[in-house]
C-alpha atoms as a PDB file:
ATOM      1  CA  UNK A   1      -0.083   0.116  -0.053  1.00  0.00           C
ATOM      2  CA  UNK A   2       1.860   3.235  -0.985  1.00  0.00           C
ATOM      3  CA  UNK A   3       0.557   5.422   2.068  1.00  0.00           C
ATOM      4  CA  UNK A   4       3.036   7.887   1.668  1.00  0.00           C
ATOM      5  CA  UNK A   5       2.599   9.838  -1.397  1.00  0.00           C
ATOM      6  CA  UNK A   6      -1.008  10.303  -0.719  1.00  0.00           C
ATOM      7  CA  UNK A   7      -2.117  13.850   0.363  1.00  0.00           C
ATOM      8  CA  UNK A   8      -4.949  13.296   2.735  1.00  0.00           C
ATOM      9  CA  UNK A   9      -7.062  16.321   4.519  1.00  0.00           C
ATOM     10  CA  UNK A  10      -8.918  16.246   7.321  1.00  0.00           C
ATOM     11  CA  UNK A  11     -11.792  18.317   8.244  1.00  0.00           C
ATOM     12  CA  UNK A  12     -13.450  18.516  11.080  1.00  0.00           C
ATOM     13  CA  UNK A  13     -16.649  21.060  11.693  1.00  0.00           C
ATOM     14  CA  UNK A  14     -16.784  22.657  15.051  1.00  0.00           C
ATOM     15  CA  UNK A  15     -19.820  24.117  16.538  1.00  0.00           C
ATOM     16  CA  UNK A  16     -19.996  24.812  20.505  1.00  0.00           C
ATOM     17  CA  UNK A  17     -17.948  21.805  21.218  1.00  0.00           C
ATOM     18  CA  UNK A  18     -14.392  22.131  21.167  1.00  0.00           C
ATOM     19  CA  UNK A  19     -13.663  19.981  23.891  1.00  0.00           C
ATOM     20  CA  UNK A  20     -15.401  17.127  21.937  1.00  0.00           C
ATOM     21  CA  UNK A  21     -13.104  18.434  18.965  1.00  0.00           C
ATOM     22  CA  UNK A  22     -10.195  18.393  21.016  1.00  0.00           C
ATOM     23  CA  UNK A  23     -10.600  14.849  21.755  1.00  0.00           C
ATOM     24  CA  UNK A  24     -10.657  14.162  18.272  1.00  0.00           C
ATOM     25  CA  UNK A  25      -7.161  16.004  17.322  1.00  0.00           C
ATOM     26  CA  UNK A  26      -5.351  14.494  19.861  1.00  0.00           C
ATOM     27  CA  UNK A  27      -6.718  11.069  18.186  1.00  0.00           C
ATOM     28  CA  UNK A  28      -5.218  12.311  14.997  1.00  0.00           C
ATOM     29  CA  UNK A  29      -1.931  12.474  16.866  1.00  0.00           C
ATOM     30  CA  UNK A  30      -1.973   9.076  17.402  1.00  0.00           C
ATOM     31  CA  UNK A  31      -2.357   7.437  14.050  1.00  0.00           C
ATOM     32  CA  UNK A  32       0.160   5.240  12.153  1.00  0.00           C
ATOM     33  CA  UNK A  33      -0.449   7.399   9.171  1.00  0.00           C
ATOM     34  CA  UNK A  34      -0.928  10.805   9.452  1.00  0.00           C
ATOM     35  CA  UNK A  35      -2.894  13.126   7.336  1.00  0.00           C
ATOM     36  CA  UNK A  36      -0.982  16.265   5.689  1.00  0.00           C
ATOM     37  CA  UNK A  37      -3.518  18.926   6.742  1.00  0.00           C
ATOM     38  CA  UNK A  38      -5.784  19.115   9.439  1.00  0.00           C
ATOM     39  CA  UNK A  39      -8.748  21.993   8.400  1.00  0.00           C
ATOM     40  CA  UNK A  40     -10.680  22.998  11.186  1.00  0.00           C
ATOM     41  CA  UNK A  41     -14.051  25.207  10.288  1.00  0.00           C
ATOM     42  CA  UNK A  42     -15.684  26.580  13.715  1.00  0.00           C
ATOM     43  CA  UNK A  43     -19.250  27.123  12.982  1.00  0.00           C
ATOM     44  CA  UNK A  44     -20.262  30.187  14.237  1.00  0.00           C
ATOM     45  CA  UNK A  45     -19.603  28.983  17.484  1.00  0.00           C
ATOM     46  CA  UNK A  46     -20.707  32.007  20.229  1.00  0.00           C
ATOM     47  CA  UNK A  47     -19.121  30.144  23.214  1.00  0.00           C
ATOM     48  CA  UNK A  48     -15.754  30.877  22.627  1.00  0.00           C
ATOM     49  CA  UNK A  49     -14.776  27.626  20.688  1.00  0.00           C
ATOM     50  CA  UNK A  50     -12.637  29.373  18.328  1.00  0.00           C
ATOM     51  CA  UNK A  51     -10.320  30.575  20.784  1.00  0.00           C
ATOM     52  CA  UNK A  52     -10.307  27.786  22.786  1.00  0.00           C
ATOM     53  CA  UNK A  53      -9.254  25.690  19.697  1.00  0.00           C
ATOM     54  CA  UNK A  54      -6.480  28.408  18.710  1.00  0.00           C
ATOM     55  CA  UNK A  55      -5.058  28.146  22.122  1.00  0.00           C
ATOM     56  CA  UNK A  56      -5.339  24.683  22.433  1.00  0.00           C
ATOM     57  CA  UNK A  57      -3.216  24.230  19.127  1.00  0.00           C
ATOM     58  CA  UNK A  58      -0.719  26.930  19.989  1.00  0.00           C
ATOM     59  CA  UNK A  59      -0.353  25.167  23.347  1.00  0.00           C
ATOM     60  CA  UNK A  60       0.458  21.888  21.786  1.00  0.00           C
ATOM     61  CA  UNK A  61       2.929  23.389  18.910  1.00  0.00           C
ATOM     62  CA  UNK A  62       0.866  22.940  16.045  1.00  0.00           C
ATOM     63  CA  UNK A  63       1.435  26.507  14.495  1.00  0.00           C
ATOM     64  CA  UNK A  64      -1.639  28.125  12.356  1.00  0.00           C
ATOM     65  CA  UNK A  65      -0.873  28.042   8.727  1.00  0.00           C
ATOM     66  CA  UNK A  66       1.188  25.286   8.368  1.00  0.00           C
ATOM     67  CA  UNK A  67      -0.252  21.987   8.681  1.00  0.00           C
ATOM     68  CA  UNK A  68      -3.060  23.272  11.238  1.00  0.00           C
ATOM     69  CA  UNK A  69      -6.037  25.794   9.621  1.00  0.00           C
ATOM     70  CA  UNK A  70      -8.743  27.501  11.652  1.00  0.00           C
ATOM     71  CA  UNK A  71     -11.018  28.650   9.596  1.00  0.00           C
ATOM     72  CA  UNK A  72     -14.016  30.986  11.609  1.00  0.00           C
ATOM     73  CA  UNK A  73     -17.436  31.113   9.924  1.00  0.00           C
ATOM     74  CA  UNK A  74     -19.216  34.393  11.265  1.00  0.00           C
ATOM     75  CA  UNK A  75     -22.402  32.135  11.971  1.00  0.00           C
ATOM     76  CA  UNK A  76     -23.970  28.966  11.458  1.00  0.00           C
ATOM     77  CA  UNK A  77     -24.488  27.983   8.412  1.00  0.00           C
ATOM     78  CA  UNK A  78     -25.038  24.176   8.445  1.00  0.00           C
ATOM     79  CA  UNK A  79     -22.895  20.985   7.880  1.00  0.00           C
ATOM     80  CA  UNK A  80     -22.780  20.758   4.424  1.00  0.00           C
ATOM     81  CA  UNK A  81     -21.759  24.452   3.802  1.00  0.00           C
ATOM     82  CA  UNK A  82     -19.195  24.176   6.527  1.00  0.00           C
ATOM     83  CA  UNK A  83     -17.491  21.323   5.197  1.00  0.00           C
ATOM     84  CA  UNK A  84     -17.617  23.147   1.752  1.00  0.00           C
ATOM     85  CA  UNK A  85     -15.577  26.225   3.162  1.00  0.00           C
ATOM     86  CA  UNK A  86     -12.848  23.718   4.120  1.00  0.00           C
ATOM     87  CA  UNK A  87     -12.857  22.154   0.633  1.00  0.00           C
ATOM     88  CA  UNK A  88     -12.810  25.701  -1.085  1.00  0.00           C
ATOM     89  CA  UNK A  89     -10.030  26.803   1.459  1.00  0.00           C
ATOM     90  CA  UNK A  90      -7.776  23.755   0.407  1.00  0.00           C
ATOM     91  CA  UNK A  91      -8.787  23.910  -3.282  1.00  0.00           C
ATOM     92  CA  UNK A  92      -7.936  28.339  -3.044  1.00  0.00           C
ATOM     93  CA  UNK A  93      -4.193  27.035  -2.088  1.00  0.00           C
ATOM     94  CA  UNK A  94      -3.239  25.136  -5.105  1.00  0.00           C
ATOM     95  CA  UNK A  95      -2.265  21.997  -3.297  1.00  0.00           C
ATOM     96  CA  UNK A  96      -3.897  19.009  -4.925  1.00  0.00           C
ATOM     97  CA  UNK A  97      -5.572  16.509  -2.065  1.00  0.00           C
ATOM     98  CA  UNK A  98      -5.857  12.948  -2.777  1.00  0.00           C
ATOM     99  CA  UNK A  99      -8.344  12.734  -0.343  1.00  0.00           C
ATOM    100  CA  UNK A 100     -10.594  14.391   2.027  1.00  0.00           C
ATOM    101  CA  UNK A 101     -11.555  13.002   5.404  1.00  0.00           C
ATOM    102  CA  UNK A 102     -14.647  14.489   6.773  1.00  0.00           C
ATOM    103  CA  UNK A 103     -14.840  14.034  10.772  1.00  0.00           C
ATOM    104  CA  UNK A 104     -17.506  14.751  13.121  1.00  0.00           C
ATOM    105  CA  UNK A 105     -15.793  16.590  15.976  1.00  0.00           C
ATOM    106  CA  UNK A 106     -17.164  14.277  18.480  1.00  0.00           C
ATOM    107  CA  UNK A 107     -15.505  11.266  16.909  1.00  0.00           C
ATOM    108  CA  UNK A 108     -12.388   9.767  18.208  1.00  0.00           C
ATOM    109  CA  UNK A 109     -10.456   7.922  15.822  1.00  0.00           C
ATOM    110  CA  UNK A 110      -8.312   4.397  15.729  1.00  0.00           C
ATOM    111  CA  UNK A 111      -4.801   4.744  15.626  1.00  0.00           C
ATOM    112  CA  UNK A 112      -5.057   2.456  11.998  1.00  0.00           C
ATOM    113  CA  UNK A 113      -8.284   4.482  10.778  1.00  0.00           C
ATOM    114  CA  UNK A 114      -6.700   6.114   8.026  1.00  0.00           C
ATOM    115  CA  UNK A 115      -4.399   3.599   6.855  1.00  0.00           C
ATOM    116  CA  UNK A 116      -7.652   1.133   6.645  1.00  0.00           C
ATOM    117  CA  UNK A 117      -8.956   3.847   4.938  1.00  0.00           C
ATOM    118  CA  UNK A 118      -5.992   4.428   2.081  1.00  0.00           C
ATOM    119  CA  UNK A 119      -5.917   0.047   1.867  1.00  0.00           C
ATOM    120  CA  UNK A 120      -9.500   0.075   1.243  1.00  0.00           C
ATOM    121  CA  UNK A 121      -9.275   3.167  -1.488  1.00  0.00           C
ATOM    122  CA  UNK A 122      -6.099   1.490  -3.377  1.00  0.00           C
ATOM    123  CA  UNK A 123      -8.660  -0.844  -4.890  1.00  0.00           C
ATOM    124  CA  UNK A 124      -9.151  -0.276  -8.946  1.00  0.00           C
ATOM    125  CA  UNK A 125     -12.737   0.343  -8.155  1.00  0.00           C
ATOM    126  CA  UNK A 126     -15.028   3.516  -8.936  1.00  0.00           C
ATOM    127  CA  UNK A 127     -15.670   4.112  -5.419  1.00  0.00           C
ATOM    128  CA  UNK A 128     -16.113   7.812  -4.362  1.00  0.00           C
ATOM    129  CA  UNK A 129     -16.707   8.131  -0.764  1.00  0.00           C
ATOM    130  CA  UNK A 130     -15.826   5.570   2.019  1.00  0.00           C
ATOM    131  CA  UNK A 131     -16.724   4.559   5.083  1.00  0.00           C
ATOM    132  CA  UNK A 132     -15.489   3.452   8.110  1.00  0.00           C
ATOM    133  CA  UNK A 133     -16.487   0.868  11.234  1.00  0.00           C
ATOM    134  CA  UNK A 134     -18.398   3.465  13.297  1.00  0.00           C
ATOM    135  CA  UNK A 135     -18.268   2.326  17.282  1.00  0.00           C
ATOM    136  CA  UNK A 136     -20.016   3.823  20.061  1.00  0.00           C
ATOM    137  CA  UNK A 137     -17.912   6.168  21.915  1.00  0.00           C
ATOM    138  CA  UNK A 138     -20.066   5.223  25.051  1.00  0.00           C
ATOM    139  CA  UNK A 139     -20.296   1.810  24.254  1.00  0.00           C
ATOM    140  CA  UNK A 140     -17.430   1.139  22.640  1.00  0.00           C
ATOM    141  CA  UNK A 141     -18.071  -2.871  21.855  1.00  0.00           C
ATOM    142  CA  UNK A 142     -21.562  -1.955  20.247  1.00  0.00           C
ATOM    143  CA  UNK A 143     -21.614  -0.930  16.497  1.00  0.00           C
ATOM    144  CA  UNK A 144     -23.142   2.118  15.566  1.00  0.00           C
ATOM    145  CA  UNK A 145     -23.006   1.710  11.596  1.00  0.00           C
ATOM    146  CA  UNK A 146     -20.633  -0.501   9.367  1.00  0.00           C
ATOM    147  CA  UNK A 147     -19.701   2.398   6.445  1.00  0.00           C
ATOM    148  CA  UNK A 148     -23.503   4.131   6.665  1.00  0.00           C
ATOM    149  CA  UNK A 149     -26.770   3.090   5.737  1.00  0.00           C
ATOM    150  CA  UNK A 150     -29.379   1.814   3.077  1.00  0.00           C
ATOM    151  CA  UNK A 151     -32.116   4.049   2.233  1.00  0.00           C
ATOM    152  CA  UNK A 152     -35.316   3.062   2.108  1.00  0.00           C
ATOM    153  CA  UNK A 153     -37.281   5.740  -0.559  1.00  0.00           C
ATOM    154  CA  UNK A 154     -41.055   4.936   0.408  1.00  0.00           C
ATOM    155  CA  UNK A 155     -40.499   5.808   3.950  1.00  0.00           C
ATOM    156  CA  UNK A 156     -37.569   8.127   3.646  1.00  0.00           C
ATOM    157  CA  UNK A 157     -36.042   6.253   6.091  1.00  0.00           C
ATOM    158  CA  UNK A 158     -32.516   4.959   6.825  1.00  0.00           C
ATOM    159  CA  UNK A 159     -31.234   1.750   8.786  1.00  0.00           C
ATOM    160  CA  UNK A 160     -27.894   1.890   9.621  1.00  0.00           C
ATOM    161  CA  UNK A 161     -25.971  -1.272   8.196  1.00  0.00           C
ATOM    162  CA  UNK A 162     -25.010  -2.985  11.317  1.00  0.00           C
ATOM    163  CA  UNK A 163     -26.116  -0.881  14.188  1.00  0.00           C
ATOM    164  CA  UNK A 164     -26.425  -2.805  17.218  1.00  0.00           C
ATOM    165  CA  UNK A 165     -24.019  -5.633  16.502  1.00  0.00           C
ATOM    166  CA  UNK A 166     -20.966  -6.579  19.040  1.00  0.00           C
ATOM    167  CA  UNK A 167     -17.714  -5.236  17.672  1.00  0.00           C
ATOM    168  CA  UNK A 168     -16.160  -8.718  18.105  1.00  0.00           C
ATOM    169  CA  UNK A 169     -18.309  -9.776  14.873  1.00  0.00           C
ATOM    170  CA  UNK A 170     -16.651 -10.279  11.665  1.00  0.00           C
ATOM    171  CA  UNK A 171     -17.404  -8.527   8.563  1.00  0.00           C
ATOM    172  CA  UNK A 172     -15.822  -7.598   5.139  1.00  0.00           C
ATOM    173  CA  UNK A 173     -16.363  -4.893   2.778  1.00  0.00           C
ATOM    174  CA  UNK A 174     -17.074  -7.223   0.173  1.00  0.00           C
ATOM    175  CA  UNK A 175     -20.528  -8.584   2.168  1.00  0.00           C
ATOM    176  CA  UNK A 176     -21.511  -4.456   3.139  1.00  0.00           C
ATOM    177  CA  UNK A 177     -20.857  -2.198   0.366  1.00  0.00           C
ATOM    178  CA  UNK A 178     -23.829  -3.875  -1.642  1.00  0.00           C
ATOM    179  CA  UNK A 179     -26.269  -2.613   0.917  1.00  0.00           C
ATOM    180  CA  UNK A 180     -24.630   0.911   1.504  1.00  0.00           C
ATOM    181  CA  UNK A 181     -26.996   3.800  -0.103  1.00  0.00           C
ATOM    182  CA  UNK A 182     -24.698   6.227   1.484  1.00  0.00           C
ATOM    183  CA  UNK A 183     -21.210   6.917   3.791  1.00  0.00           C
ATOM    184  CA  UNK A 184     -22.416   8.065   7.717  1.00  0.00           C
ATOM    185  CA  UNK A 185     -21.256  11.672   7.979  1.00  0.00           C
ATOM    186  CA  UNK A 186     -19.121  10.802  11.343  1.00  0.00           C
ATOM    187  CA  UNK A 187     -16.596   9.345   9.053  1.00  0.00           C
ATOM    188  CA  UNK A 188     -16.642   9.922   5.247  1.00  0.00           C
ATOM    189  CA  UNK A 189     -13.456   9.774   3.182  1.00  0.00           C
ATOM    190  CA  UNK A 190     -13.938  11.082  -0.125  1.00  0.00           C
ATOM    191  CA  UNK A 191     -11.903  11.175  -3.193  1.00  0.00           C
ATOM    192  CA  UNK A 192     -10.352  14.465  -5.410  1.00  0.00           C
ATOM    193  CA  UNK A 193     -12.058  12.798  -8.150  1.00  0.00           C
ATOM    194  CA  UNK A 194     -15.089  12.749  -6.702  1.00  0.00           C
ATOM    195  CA  UNK A 195     -15.412  16.287  -5.719  1.00  0.00           C
ATOM    196  CA  UNK A 196     -13.941  17.176  -9.000  1.00  0.00           C
ATOM    197  CA  UNK A 197     -16.798  15.300 -10.985  1.00  0.00           C
ATOM    198  CA  UNK A 198     -19.781  15.564  -8.712  1.00  0.00           C
ATOM    199  CA  UNK A 199     -19.342  18.941  -7.058  1.00  0.00           C
ATOM    200  CA  UNK A 200     -19.190  20.245  -3.341  1.00  0.00           C
ATOM    201  CA  UNK A 201     -21.989  19.122  -0.867  1.00  0.00           C
ATOM    202  CA  UNK A 202     -25.632  20.590  -1.448  1.00  0.00           C
ATOM    203  CA  UNK A 203     -25.823  23.679   1.199  1.00  0.00           C
ATOM    204  CA  UNK A 204     -29.659  23.735   0.913  1.00  0.00           C
ATOM    205  CA  UNK A 205     -29.549  20.581   3.672  1.00  0.00           C
ATOM    206  CA  UNK A 206     -28.564  22.303   6.959  1.00  0.00           C
ATOM    207  CA  UNK A 207     -28.205  18.834   8.665  1.00  0.00           C
ATOM    208  CA  UNK A 208     -29.205  15.330   7.582  1.00  0.00           C
ATOM    209  CA  UNK A 209     -29.417  14.193   3.956  1.00  0.00           C
ATOM    210  CA  UNK A 210     -26.242  15.738   2.555  1.00  0.00           C
ATOM    211  CA  UNK A 211     -24.319  12.392   2.575  1.00  0.00           C
ATOM    212  CA  UNK A 212     -27.387  10.739   0.876  1.00  0.00           C
ATOM    213  CA  UNK A 213     -27.739  13.466  -2.026  1.00  0.00           C
ATOM    214  CA  UNK A 214     -23.866  13.522  -2.292  1.00  0.00           C
ATOM    215  CA  UNK A 215     -24.039   9.875  -2.803  1.00  0.00           C
ATOM    216  CA  UNK A 216     -27.047   9.856  -5.083  1.00  0.00           C
ATOM    217  CA  UNK A 217     -25.416  12.567  -7.334  1.00  0.00           C
ATOM    218  CA  UNK A 218     -22.549  10.308  -7.493  1.00  0.00           C
ATOM    219  CA  UNK A 219     -24.731   7.221  -8.038  1.00  0.00           C
ATOM    220  CA  UNK A 220     -25.750   9.179 -11.131  1.00  0.00           C
ATOM    221  CA  UNK A 221     -22.158   9.376 -12.671  1.00  0.00           C
ATOM    222  CA  UNK A 222     -21.122   5.698 -11.842  1.00  0.00           C
ATOM    223  CA  UNK A 223     -19.540   5.818  -8.389  1.00  0.00           C
ATOM    224  CA  UNK A 224     -20.662   3.563  -5.208  1.00  0.00           C
ATOM    225  CA  UNK A 225     -20.109   3.547  -1.997  1.00  0.00           C
ATOM    226  CA  UNK A 226     -16.858   2.246  -0.039  1.00  0.00           C
ATOM    227  CA  UNK A 227     -16.585   0.114   3.376  1.00  0.00           C
ATOM    228  CA  UNK A 228     -13.179   0.299   4.730  1.00  0.00           C
ATOM    229  CA  UNK A 229     -13.409  -2.658   7.364  1.00  0.00           C
ATOM    230  CA  UNK A 230     -10.253  -1.854   9.087  1.00  0.00           C
ATOM    231  CA  UNK A 231     -10.718   1.586   9.904  1.00  0.00           C
ATOM    232  CA  UNK A 232     -12.369   2.282  12.926  1.00  0.00           C
ATOM    233  CA  UNK A 233     -13.695   5.565  13.954  1.00  0.00           C
ATOM    234  CA  UNK A 234     -15.408   5.899  17.900  1.00  0.00           C
ATOM    235  CA  UNK A 235     -18.583   8.320  17.557  1.00  0.00           C
ATOM    236  CA  UNK A 236     -20.966   9.805  20.807  1.00  0.00           C
ATOM    237  CA  UNK A 237     -23.593  11.183  18.292  1.00  0.00           C
ATOM    238  CA  UNK A 238     -25.887  14.114  19.446  1.00  0.00           C
ATOM    239  CA  UNK A 239     -23.629  16.229  20.442  1.00  0.00           C
ATOM    240  CA  UNK A 240     -25.278  19.525  18.539  1.00  0.00           C
ATOM    241  CA  UNK A 241     -28.574  18.783  19.688  1.00  0.00           C
ATOM    242  CA  UNK A 242     -27.394  18.154  23.750  1.00  0.00           C
ATOM    243  CA  UNK A 243     -29.075  21.399  24.600  1.00  0.00           C
ATOM    244  CA  UNK A 244     -32.239  21.411  22.492  1.00  0.00           C
ATOM    245  CA  UNK A 245     -34.438  18.762  24.311  1.00  0.00           C
ATOM    246  CA  UNK A 246     -37.622  19.900  25.159  1.00  0.00           C
ATOM    247  CA  UNK A 247     -38.861  18.759  29.026  1.00  0.00           C
ATOM    248  CA  UNK A 248     -40.771  16.342  27.565  1.00  0.00           C
ATOM    249  CA  UNK A 249     -37.445  14.810  26.777  1.00  0.00           C
ATOM    250  CA  UNK A 250     -38.289  15.018  22.698  1.00  0.00           C
ATOM    251  CA  UNK A 251     -35.488  17.002  20.436  1.00  0.00           C
ATOM    252  CA  UNK A 252     -37.113  19.264  18.244  1.00  0.00           C
ATOM    253  CA  UNK A 253     -34.449  20.749  16.415  1.00  0.00           C
ATOM    254  CA  UNK A 254     -33.265  17.083  15.590  1.00  0.00           C
ATOM    255  CA  UNK A 255     -36.935  16.553  14.155  1.00  0.00           C
ATOM    256  CA  UNK A 256     -37.087  19.312  12.147  1.00  0.00           C
ATOM    257  CA  UNK A 257     -34.298  19.110  10.095  1.00  0.00           C
ATOM    258  CA  UNK A 258     -34.788  15.222  10.123  1.00  0.00           C
ATOM    259  CA  UNK A 259     -38.541  15.831   8.734  1.00  0.00           C
ATOM    260  CA  UNK A 260     -37.135  18.920   5.978  1.00  0.00           C
ATOM    261  CA  UNK A 261     -34.509  16.427   4.675  1.00  0.00           C
ATOM    262  CA  UNK A 262     -36.799  14.201   4.441  1.00  0.00           C
ATOM    263  CA  UNK A 263     -39.599  15.748   2.351  1.00  0.00           C
ATOM    264  CA  UNK A 264     -36.405  17.806  -0.090  1.00  0.00           C
ATOM    265  CA  UNK A 265     -34.797  14.686  -0.544  1.00  0.00           C
ATOM    266  CA  UNK A 266     -37.763  12.657  -1.703  1.00  0.00           C
ATOM    267  CA  UNK A 267     -39.038  15.543  -4.022  1.00  0.00           C
ATOM    268  CA  UNK A 268     -35.913  15.773  -5.542  1.00  0.00           C
ATOM    269  CA  UNK A 269     -34.584  11.973  -5.965  1.00  0.00           C
ATOM    270  CA  UNK A 270     -37.977   9.927  -5.429  1.00  0.00           C
ATOM    271  CA  UNK A 271     -40.955  12.411  -6.493  1.00  0.00           C
ATOM    272  CA  UNK A 272     -43.074   9.030  -6.732  1.00  0.00           C
ATOM    273  CA  UNK A 273     -43.023   8.104  -2.840  1.00  0.00           C
ATOM    274  CA  UNK A 274     -44.090  11.906  -1.849  1.00  0.00           C
ATOM    275  CA  UNK A 275     -47.549  10.737  -0.977  1.00  0.00           C
ATOM    276  CA  UNK A 276     -46.573   8.127   1.611  1.00  0.00           C
ATOM    277  CA  UNK A 277     -43.649   9.836   3.220  1.00  0.00           C
ATOM    278  CA  UNK A 278     -45.919  12.807   3.386  1.00  0.00           C
ATOM    279  CA  UNK A 279     -48.728  11.033   5.161  1.00  0.00           C
ATOM    280  CA  UNK A 280     -46.251   9.224   7.465  1.00  0.00           C
ATOM    281  CA  UNK A 281     -44.855  12.409   8.493  1.00  0.00           C
ATOM    282  CA  UNK A 282     -48.290  14.116   8.846  1.00  0.00           C
ATOM    283  CA  UNK A 283     -49.166  10.899  11.011  1.00  0.00           C
ATOM    284  CA  UNK A 284     -45.834  11.578  13.230  1.00  0.00           C
ATOM    285  CA  UNK A 285     -46.974  15.061  13.860  1.00  0.00           C
ATOM    286  CA  UNK A 286     -50.256  14.221  15.315  1.00  0.00           C
ATOM    287  CA  UNK A 287     -48.631  10.962  17.301  1.00  0.00           C
ATOM    288  CA  UNK A 288     -46.595  14.107  19.034  1.00  0.00           C
ATOM    289  CA  UNK A 289     -49.232  16.057  19.511  1.00  0.00           C
ATOM    290  CA  UNK A 290     -51.416  13.007  21.150  1.00  0.00           C
ATOM    291  CA  UNK A 291     -48.298  12.171  23.392  1.00  0.00           C
ATOM    292  CA  UNK A 292     -48.089  15.901  24.701  1.00  0.00           C
ATOM    293  CA  UNK A 293     -44.823  16.661  22.595  1.00  0.00           C
ATOM    294  CA  UNK A 294     -45.931  20.313  21.473  1.00  0.00           C
ATOM    295  CA  UNK A 295     -42.370  21.548  20.031  1.00  0.00           C
ATOM    296  CA  UNK A 296     -41.346  18.695  18.479  1.00  0.00           C
ATOM    297  CA  UNK A 297     -45.096  18.749  16.949  1.00  0.00           C
ATOM    298  CA  UNK A 298     -44.285  22.574  15.927  1.00  0.00           C
ATOM    299  CA  UNK A 299     -41.352  21.652  14.401  1.00  0.00           C
ATOM    300  CA  UNK A 300     -42.387  18.912  12.474  1.00  0.00           C
ATOM    301  CA  UNK A 301     -45.547  21.163  11.086  1.00  0.00           C
ATOM    302  CA  UNK A 302     -42.629  23.594   9.980  1.00  0.00           C
ATOM    303  CA  UNK A 303     -39.999  21.401   8.450  1.00  0.00           C
ATOM    304  CA  UNK A 304     -43.426  20.305   6.445  1.00  0.00           C
ATOM    305  CA  UNK A 305     -44.532  23.657   5.434  1.00  0.00           C
ATOM    306  CA  UNK A 306     -41.255  25.342   4.676  1.00  0.00           C
ATOM    307  CA  UNK A 307     -39.259  23.215   2.324  1.00  0.00           C
ATOM    308  CA  UNK A 308     -41.788  24.063  -0.465  1.00  0.00           C
ATOM    309  CA  UNK A 309     -39.186  27.184  -1.089  1.00  0.00           C
ATOM    310  CA  UNK A 310     -36.330  25.022  -2.209  1.00  0.00           C
ATOM    311  CA  UNK A 311     -38.307  23.082  -4.696  1.00  0.00           C
ATOM    312  CA  UNK A 312     -39.212  25.644  -6.681  1.00  0.00           C
ATOM    313  CA  UNK A 313     -37.274  26.542  -9.870  1.00  0.00           C
ATOM    314  CA  UNK A 314     -34.484  29.282  -9.505  1.00  0.00           C
ATOM    315  CA  UNK A 315     -36.679  31.719 -11.350  1.00  0.00           C
ATOM    316  CA  UNK A 316     -39.553  31.293  -9.495  1.00  0.00           C
ATOM    317  CA  UNK A 317     -37.873  31.106  -6.335  1.00  0.00           C
ATOM    318  CA  UNK A 318     -36.220  34.639  -6.727  1.00  0.00           C
ATOM    319  CA  UNK A 319     -39.741  36.035  -7.721  1.00  0.00           C
ATOM    320  CA  UNK A 320     -40.683  34.891  -4.780  1.00  0.00           C
ATOM    321  CA  UNK A 321     -37.944  36.501  -2.585  1.00  0.00           C
ATOM    322  CA  UNK A 322     -38.324  39.852  -4.424  1.00  0.00           C
ATOM    323  CA  UNK A 323     -42.129  39.605  -3.526  1.00  0.00           C
ATOM    324  CA  UNK A 324     -41.741  38.982   0.062  1.00  0.00           C
ATOM    325  CA  UNK A 325     -39.096  41.350   0.419  1.00  0.00           C
ATOM    326  CA  UNK A 326     -41.540  44.240  -0.667  1.00  0.00           C
ATOM    327  CA  UNK A 327     -43.915  43.594   1.684  1.00  0.00           C
END
């Protein structure tokens, strides 16, 4: 495996989670094969995350502007847009990147995680995005997903491949890859060729479904998802919404973006499934009302009513926006 000649850039998006990000950075230092670039994108955090990260990097001898870069976005522009900012920065620098490794900030990578991804990517097939074995950080013997998920268009629901299995089980990429619709965003290893041919992530998705949309665009041009069975990444999950829980235990912010993503994705890629998807989401809304989850129900209703603006043709959307501005 020729790992030395590959230029790999890690992109990590931080939003009010600098302590988790530091843990991720510390794990990168333990890798047997190191990335050439580490791009931190602070997504408009208001808790001083950017300052904390800059201070940590300085104290640990990681000079900004060389191998490490800290981008500070003025507002939270969403997962896709923040990752795209990292790609744009690297492209503007004029240095060729072979692979982009997108990691959630609440991940911790095994020392052989990057070596495993590079080994899988060395095979001569048309894979654009590779996934890792994602284990639960809190219960590291439990699998969150093997690479990614299978998407059922009729219900607009995803099933994580291998979710809940023991990490001692045996699996291999040949068995897992045919089941994959897309790669889980906690660890996405993306080739330069894929980005060059398919483009950046769609920024209409603030959160959720951007990985699926990227994979579907790739599939349309002959790319398939890949799974590196020897690459292990530990993931907490849910860190972005830790403060968004209502008193009834529901997570209304997560509910909003899940429903919104389902509607937009279905309209764009599976319009024939829109009646069933809308029926199921409206049913969920009334179930939440029945259980007293008012904030979650309201978020679901907003998600069902708001995505229509994104679905308009560009010229009609501009006309609508101009009309709203004149009111």
